[in-house]
PDB file of N, CA and C in Angstrom:
ATOM      1  N   ASP A   1     114.338  87.242  99.863  1.00  0.00           N
ATOM      2  CA  ASP A   1     114.635  86.752 101.191  1.00  0.00           C
ATOM      3  C   ASP A   1     115.988  87.241 101.691  1.00  0.00           C
ATOM      4  N   MET A   2     116.632  88.129 100.971  1.00  0.00           N
ATOM      5  CA  MET A   2     117.976  88.542 101.341  1.00  0.00           C
ATOM      6  C   MET A   2     117.996  89.832 102.154  1.00  0.00           C
ATOM      7  N   HIS A   3     116.953  90.586 102.146  1.00  0.00           N
ATOM      8  CA  HIS A   3     116.988  91.913 102.749  1.00  0.00           C
ATOM      9  C   HIS A   3     116.424  91.940 104.156  1.00  0.00           C
ATOM     10  N   GLY A   4     117.171  92.543 105.064  1.00  0.00           N
ATOM     11  CA  GLY A   4     116.667  92.854 106.380  1.00  0.00           C
ATOM     12  C   GLY A   4     116.611  91.749 107.406  1.00  0.00           C
ATOM     13  N   ILE A   5     117.097  90.575 107.097  1.00  0.00           N
ATOM     14  CA  ILE A   5     117.063  89.497 108.088  1.00  0.00           C
ATOM     15  C   ILE A   5     118.216  89.714 109.079  1.00  0.00           C
ATOM     16  N   VAL A   6     119.434  89.598 108.611  1.00  0.00           N
ATOM     17  CA  VAL A   6     120.620  89.944 109.395  1.00  0.00           C
ATOM     18  C   VAL A   6     121.622  90.624 108.467  1.00  0.00           C
ATOM     19  N   TRP A   7     122.512  91.422 109.051  1.00  0.00           N
ATOM     20  CA  TRP A   7     123.645  91.927 108.289  1.00  0.00           C
ATOM     21  C   TRP A   7     124.457  90.717 107.823  1.00  0.00           C
ATOM     22  N   VAL A   8     125.032  90.791 106.653  1.00  0.00           N
ATOM     23  CA  VAL A   8     125.819  89.675 106.117  1.00  0.00           C
ATOM     24  C   VAL A   8     127.280  90.095 106.035  1.00  0.00           C
ATOM     25  N   TRP A   9     128.163  89.316 106.683  1.00  0.00           N
ATOM     26  CA  TRP A   9     129.600  89.551 106.581  1.00  0.00           C
ATOM     27  C   TRP A   9     130.052  89.283 105.156  1.00  0.00           C
ATOM     28  N   CYS A  10     130.922  90.121 104.645  1.00  0.00           N
ATOM     29  CA  CYS A  10     131.528  89.921 103.324  1.00  0.00           C
ATOM     30  C   CYS A  10     133.039  89.778 103.501  1.00  0.00           C
ATOM     31  N   SER A  11     133.694  89.162 102.554  1.00  0.00           N
ATOM     32  CA  SER A  11     135.138  88.972 102.670  1.00  0.00           C
ATOM     33  C   SER A  11     135.925  90.222 102.283  1.00  0.00           C
ATOM     34  N   ASP A  12     135.285  91.197 101.647  1.00  0.00           N
ATOM     35  CA  ASP A  12     135.976  92.415 101.214  1.00  0.00           C
ATOM     36  C   ASP A  12     136.396  93.286 102.389  1.00  0.00           C
ATOM     37  N   LEU A  13     137.579  93.864 102.262  1.00  0.00           N
ATOM     38  CA  LEU A  13     137.981  94.926 103.173  1.00  0.00           C
ATOM     39  C   LEU A  13     137.222  96.182 102.778  1.00  0.00           C
ATOM     40  N   TYR A  14     136.891  97.028 103.746  1.00  0.00           N
ATOM     41  CA  TYR A  14     136.104  98.227 103.467  1.00  0.00           C
ATOM     42  C   TYR A  14     136.995  99.329 102.907  1.00  0.00           C
ATOM     43  N   GLY A  15     136.516 100.010 101.889  1.00  0.00           N
ATOM     44  CA  GLY A  15     137.205 101.147 101.288  1.00  0.00           C
ATOM     45  C   GLY A  15     136.319 101.762 100.235  1.00  0.00           C
ATOM     46  N   ALA A  16     136.695 102.922  99.774  1.00  0.00           N
ATOM     47  CA  ALA A  16     135.911 103.623  98.753  1.00  0.00           C
ATOM     48  C   ALA A  16     135.992 102.887  97.423  1.00  0.00           C
ATOM     49  N   TYR A  17     134.890 102.873  96.693  1.00  0.00           N
ATOM     50  CA  TYR A  17     134.885 102.315  95.346  1.00  0.00           C
ATOM     51  C   TYR A  17     135.483 103.310  94.370  1.00  0.00           C
ATOM     52  N   SER A  18     135.946 102.807  93.242  1.00  0.00           N
ATOM     53  CA  SER A  18     136.435 103.652  92.161  1.00  0.00           C
ATOM     54  C   SER A  18     135.276 104.469  91.609  1.00  0.00           C
ATOM     55  N   ALA A  19     135.575 105.641  91.082  1.00  0.00           N
ATOM     56  CA  ALA A  19     134.540 106.508  90.509  1.00  0.00           C
ATOM     57  C   ALA A  19     134.046 105.987  89.155  1.00  0.00           C
ATOM     58  N   SER A  20     134.818 105.133  88.489  1.00  0.00           N
ATOM     59  CA  SER A  20     134.407 104.603  87.187  1.00  0.00           C
ATOM     60  C   SER A  20     133.407 103.463  87.367  1.00  0.00           C
ATOM     61  N   PRO A  21     132.494 103.277  86.391  1.00  0.00           N
ATOM     62  CA  PRO A  21     131.510 102.195  86.483  1.00  0.00           C
ATOM     63  C   PRO A  21     132.203 100.829  86.558  1.00  0.00           C
ATOM     64  N   GLN A  22     131.668  99.932  87.397  1.00  0.00           N
ATOM     65  CA  GLN A  22     132.251  98.608  87.580  1.00  0.00           C
ATOM     66  C   GLN A  22     131.157  97.575  87.769  1.00  0.00           C
ATOM     67  N   THR A  23     131.473  96.348  87.455  1.00  0.00           N
ATOM     68  CA  THR A  23     130.605  95.217  87.771  1.00  0.00           C
ATOM     69  C   THR A  23     131.338  94.380  88.805  1.00  0.00           C
ATOM     70  N   ASN A  24     130.683  94.084  89.915  1.00  0.00           N
ATOM     71  CA  ASN A  24     131.269  93.317  91.005  1.00  0.00           C
ATOM     72  C   ASN A  24     132.608  93.887  91.461  1.00  0.00           C
ATOM     73  N   PRO A  25     132.602  95.137  91.962  1.00  0.00           N
ATOM     74  CA  PRO A  25     133.866  95.749  92.388  1.00  0.00           C
ATOM     75  C   PRO A  25     134.482  94.996  93.557  1.00  0.00           C
ATOM     76  N   LYS A  26     135.786  94.978  93.608  1.00  0.00           N
ATOM     77  CA  LYS A  26     136.521  94.323  94.692  1.00  0.00           C
ATOM     78  C   LYS A  26     136.714  95.321  95.825  1.00  0.00           C
ATOM     79  N   GLY A  27     136.943  94.815  97.003  1.00  0.00           N
ATOM     80  CA  GLY A  27     137.175  95.668  98.161  1.00  0.00           C
ATOM     81  C   GLY A  27     138.560  96.286  98.126  1.00  0.00           C
ATOM     82  N   ALA A  28     138.853  97.039  99.168  1.00  0.00           N
ATOM     83  CA  ALA A  28     140.153  97.697  99.289  1.00  0.00           C
ATOM     84  C   ALA A  28     141.262  96.650  99.389  1.00  0.00           C
ATOM     85  N   MET A  29     142.470  97.052  99.063  1.00  0.00           N
ATOM     86  CA  MET A  29     143.615  96.142  99.126  1.00  0.00           C
ATOM     87  C   MET A  29     144.161  96.019 100.558  1.00  0.00           C
ATOM     88  N   SER A  30     143.885  97.006 101.394  1.00  0.00           N
ATOM     89  CA  SER A  30     144.340  96.948 102.784  1.00  0.00           C
ATOM     90  C   SER A  30     143.349  97.693 103.659  1.00  0.00           C
ATOM     91  N   GLY A  31     143.408  97.441 104.934  1.00  0.00           N
ATOM     92  CA  GLY A  31     142.516  98.109 105.869  1.00  0.00           C
ATOM     93  C   GLY A  31     142.262  97.243 107.075  1.00  0.00           C
ATOM     94  N   LYS A  32     141.535  97.786 108.033  1.00  0.00           N
ATOM     95  CA  LYS A  32     141.278  97.063 109.274  1.00  0.00           C
ATOM     96  C   LYS A  32     139.820  96.677 109.454  1.00  0.00           C
ATOM     97  N   THR A  33     138.955  97.159 108.584  1.00  0.00           N
ATOM     98  CA  THR A  33     137.542  96.843 108.737  1.00  0.00           C
ATOM     99  C   THR A  33     137.031  96.048 107.542  1.00  0.00           C
ATOM    100  N   ARG A  34     135.998  95.261 107.784  1.00  0.00           N
ATOM    101  CA  ARG A  34     135.374  94.424 106.750  1.00  0.00           C
ATOM    102  C   ARG A  34     133.999  94.966 106.397  1.00  0.00           C
ATOM    103  N   VAL A  35     133.536  94.602 105.226  1.00  0.00           N
ATOM    104  CA  VAL A  35     132.222  95.023 104.756  1.00  0.00           C
ATOM    105  C   VAL A  35     131.145  94.119 105.339  1.00  0.00           C
ATOM    106  N   ARG A  36     130.053  94.723 105.724  1.00  0.00           N
ATOM    107  CA  ARG A  36     128.826  93.976 106.026  1.00  0.00           C
ATOM    108  C   ARG A  36     127.725  94.626 105.211  1.00  0.00           C
ATOM    109  N   ARG A  37     126.786  93.828 104.739  1.00  0.00           N
ATOM    110  CA  ARG A  37     125.738  94.318 103.845  1.00  0.00           C
ATOM    111  C   ARG A  37     124.350  93.936 104.320  1.00  0.00           C
ATOM    112  N   GLY A  38     123.377  94.720 103.865  1.00  0.00           N
ATOM    113  CA  GLY A  38     121.987  94.311 103.916  1.00  0.00           C
ATOM    114  C   GLY A  38     121.115  94.747 105.064  1.00  0.00           C
ATOM    115  N   GLY A  39     121.663  95.260 106.133  1.00  0.00           N
ATOM    116  CA  GLY A  39     120.828  95.666 107.257  1.00  0.00           C
ATOM    117  C   GLY A  39     120.252  94.487 108.012  1.00  0.00           C
ATOM    118  N   GLY A  40     119.905  94.704 109.246  1.00  0.00           N
ATOM    119  CA  GLY A  40     119.358  93.648 110.084  1.00  0.00           C
ATOM    120  C   GLY A  40     117.884  93.853 110.352  1.00  0.00           C
ATOM    121  N   TRP A  41     117.282  92.900 110.990  1.00  0.00           N
ATOM    122  CA  TRP A  41     115.847  92.920 111.278  1.00  0.00           C
ATOM    123  C   TRP A  41     115.458  94.121 112.133  1.00  0.00           C
ATOM    124  N   ASN A  42     116.397  94.682 112.876  1.00  0.00           N
ATOM    125  CA  ASN A  42     116.095  95.798 113.758  1.00  0.00           C
ATOM    126  C   ASN A  42     116.585  97.138 113.215  1.00  0.00           C
ATOM    127  N   ASP A  43     116.848  97.210 111.912  1.00  0.00           N
ATOM    128  CA  ASP A  43     117.418  98.403 111.297  1.00  0.00           C
ATOM    129  C   ASP A  43     116.385  99.261 110.593  1.00  0.00           C
ATOM    130  N   TYR A  44     116.825 100.457 110.200  1.00  0.00           N
ATOM    131  CA  TYR A  44     116.004 101.345 109.384  1.00  0.00           C
ATOM    132  C   TYR A  44     115.778 100.720 108.014  1.00  0.00           C
ATOM    133  N   ALA A  45     114.630 100.966 107.419  1.00  0.00           N
ATOM    134  CA  ALA A  45     114.278 100.373 106.121  1.00  0.00           C
ATOM    135  C   ALA A  45     115.290 100.725 105.036  1.00  0.00           C
ATOM    136  N   ARG A  46     115.855 101.920 105.051  1.00  0.00           N
ATOM    137  CA  ARG A  46     116.810 102.333 104.001  1.00  0.00           C
ATOM    138  C   ARG A  46     118.081 101.490 104.008  1.00  0.00           C
ATOM    139  N   ARG A  47     118.386 100.850 105.112  1.00  0.00           N
ATOM    140  CA  ARG A  47     119.568  99.988 105.195  1.00  0.00           C
ATOM    141  C   ARG A  47     119.281  98.556 104.777  1.00  0.00           C
ATOM    142  N   CYS A  48     118.042  98.174 104.694  1.00  0.00           N
ATOM    143  CA  CYS A  48     117.669  96.780 104.422  1.00  0.00           C
ATOM    144  C   CYS A  48     117.612  96.505 102.927  1.00  0.00           C
ATOM    145  N   ARG A  49     118.745  96.609 102.286  1.00  0.00           N
ATOM    146  CA  ARG A  49     118.893  96.292 100.867  1.00  0.00           C
ATOM    147  C   ARG A  49     120.317  95.831 100.638  1.00  0.00           C
ATOM    148  N   SER A  50     120.529  94.946  99.701  1.00  0.00           N
ATOM    149  CA  SER A  50     121.850  94.342  99.501  1.00  0.00           C
ATOM    150  C   SER A  50     122.897  95.358  99.051  1.00  0.00           C
ATOM    151  N   ALA A  51     122.496  96.465  98.447  1.00  0.00           N
ATOM    152  CA  ALA A  51     123.447  97.467  97.994  1.00  0.00           C
ATOM    153  C   ALA A  51     123.974  98.318  99.146  1.00  0.00           C
ATOM    154  N   TYR A  52     123.313  98.306 100.289  1.00  0.00           N
ATOM    155  CA  TYR A  52     123.774  99.102 101.420  1.00  0.00           C
ATOM    156  C   TYR A  52     124.933  98.381 102.099  1.00  0.00           C
ATOM    157  N   ARG A  53     126.022  99.088 102.322  1.00  0.00           N
ATOM    158  CA  ARG A  53     127.162  98.467 102.983  1.00  0.00           C
ATOM    159  C   ARG A  53     127.660  99.343 104.125  1.00  0.00           C
ATOM    160  N   ASP A  54     128.232  98.703 105.086  1.00  0.00           N
ATOM    161  CA  ASP A  54     128.736  99.344 106.275  1.00  0.00           C
ATOM    162  C   ASP A  54     130.065  98.682 106.600  1.00  0.00           C
ATOM    163  N   ASN A  55     130.790  99.219 107.563  1.00  0.00           N
ATOM    164  CA  ASN A  55     132.060  98.595 107.926  1.00  0.00           C
ATOM    165  C   ASN A  55     132.170  98.433 109.430  1.00  0.00           C
ATOM    166  N   VAL A  56     132.737  97.314 109.833  1.00  0.00           N
ATOM    167  CA  VAL A  56     133.004  97.022 111.234  1.00  0.00           C
ATOM    168  C   VAL A  56     134.296  96.210 111.332  1.00  0.00           C
ATOM    169  N   THR A  57     134.893  96.208 112.502  1.00  0.00           N
ATOM    170  CA  THR A  57     136.105  95.415 112.699  1.00  0.00           C
ATOM    171  C   THR A  57     135.737  93.933 112.793  1.00  0.00           C
ATOM    172  N   PRO A  58     136.636  93.052 112.415  1.00  0.00           N
ATOM    173  CA  PRO A  58     136.337  91.617 112.507  1.00  0.00           C
ATOM    174  C   PRO A  58     136.021  91.153 113.926  1.00  0.00           C
ATOM    175  N   ALA A  59     136.490  91.849 114.939  1.00  0.00           N
ATOM    176  CA  ALA A  59     136.233  91.463 116.331  1.00  0.00           C
ATOM    177  C   ALA A  59     134.816  91.848 116.780  1.00  0.00           C
ATOM    178  N   TYR A  60     134.140  92.699 116.025  1.00  0.00           N
ATOM    179  CA  TYR A  60     132.800  93.144 116.398  1.00  0.00           C
ATOM    180  C   TYR A  60     131.819  91.976 116.331  1.00  0.00           C
ATOM    181  N   HIS A  61     130.951  91.867 117.304  1.00  0.00           N
ATOM    182  CA  HIS A  61     129.912  90.842 117.263  1.00  0.00           C
ATOM    183  C   HIS A  61     128.600  91.444 117.722  1.00  0.00           C
ATOM    184  N   ASP A  62     127.527  90.905 117.174  1.00  0.00           N
ATOM    185  CA  ASP A  62     126.199  91.444 117.407  1.00  0.00           C
ATOM    186  C   ASP A  62     125.187  90.363 117.035  1.00  0.00           C
ATOM    187  N   TYR A  63     124.030  90.390 117.621  1.00  0.00           N
ATOM    188  CA  TYR A  63     122.991  89.403 117.323  1.00  0.00           C
ATOM    189  C   TYR A  63     122.337  89.612 115.964  1.00  0.00           C
ATOM    190  N   SER A  64     122.671  90.706 115.263  1.00  0.00           N
ATOM    191  CA  SER A  64     122.056  90.946 113.959  1.00  0.00           C
ATOM    192  C   SER A  64     123.035  90.786 112.799  1.00  0.00           C
ATOM    193  N   ILE A  65     124.159  90.085 113.018  1.00  0.00           N
ATOM    194  CA  ILE A  65     125.133  89.827 111.955  1.00  0.00           C
ATOM    195  C   ILE A  65     125.217  88.327 111.729  1.00  0.00           C
ATOM    196  N   GLY A  66     125.209  87.914 110.461  1.00  0.00           N
ATOM    197  CA  GLY A  66     125.296  86.497 110.135  1.00  0.00           C
ATOM    198  C   GLY A  66     126.129  86.282 108.891  1.00  0.00           C
ATOM    199  N   ILE A  67     126.038  85.110 108.333  1.00  0.00           N
ATOM    200  CA  ILE A  67     126.723  84.780 107.085  1.00  0.00           C
ATOM    201  C   ILE A  67     125.698  84.179 106.127  1.00  0.00           C
ATOM    202  N   ARG A  68     126.015  84.212 104.867  1.00  0.00           N
ATOM    203  CA  ARG A  68     125.160  83.588 103.861  1.00  0.00           C
ATOM    204  C   ARG A  68     125.984  82.516 103.176  1.00  0.00           C
ATOM    205  N   LEU A  69     125.525  81.297 103.245  1.00  0.00           N
ATOM    206  CA  LEU A  69     126.237  80.184 102.608  1.00  0.00           C
ATOM    207  C   LEU A  69     125.795  80.077 101.156  1.00  0.00           C
ATOM    208  N   VAL A  70     126.737  79.813 100.282  1.00  0.00           N
ATOM    209  CA  VAL A  70     126.421  79.620  98.867  1.00  0.00           C
ATOM    210  C   VAL A  70     127.018  78.313  98.390  1.00  0.00           C
ATOM    211  N   LYS A  71     126.383  77.730  97.436  1.00  0.00           N
ATOM    212  CA  LYS A  71     126.870  76.490  96.838  1.00  0.00           C
ATOM    213  C   LYS A  71     127.225  76.783  95.392  1.00  0.00           C
ATOM    214  N   SER A  72     128.456  76.503  95.023  1.00  0.00           N
ATOM    215  CA  SER A  72     128.839  76.690  93.627  1.00  0.00           C
ATOM    216  C   SER A  72     128.489  75.430  92.842  1.00  0.00           C
ATOM    217  N   ASN A  73     128.148  75.621  91.601  1.00  0.00           N
ATOM    218  CA  ASN A  73     127.757  74.479  90.751  1.00  0.00           C
ATOM    219  C   ASN A  73     128.941  73.865  90.073  1.00  0.00           C
TER     220      ASN A  73
END
């Protein structure tokens, strides 16, 4: 249920990942754009997966961007 509904805002700043293998890599330390993941309902199929990421400014708004709430145990 996570793919292709709406783009999901992430708290990470956008930047290139390290070339070395990582688990749960962190975003850039500085920058002006944030990560959004997953593609929206009106996107190409190749973008509708959680591993796909894009970057936009925090001021950007669109009807296909949302948030995902999580509950920690």
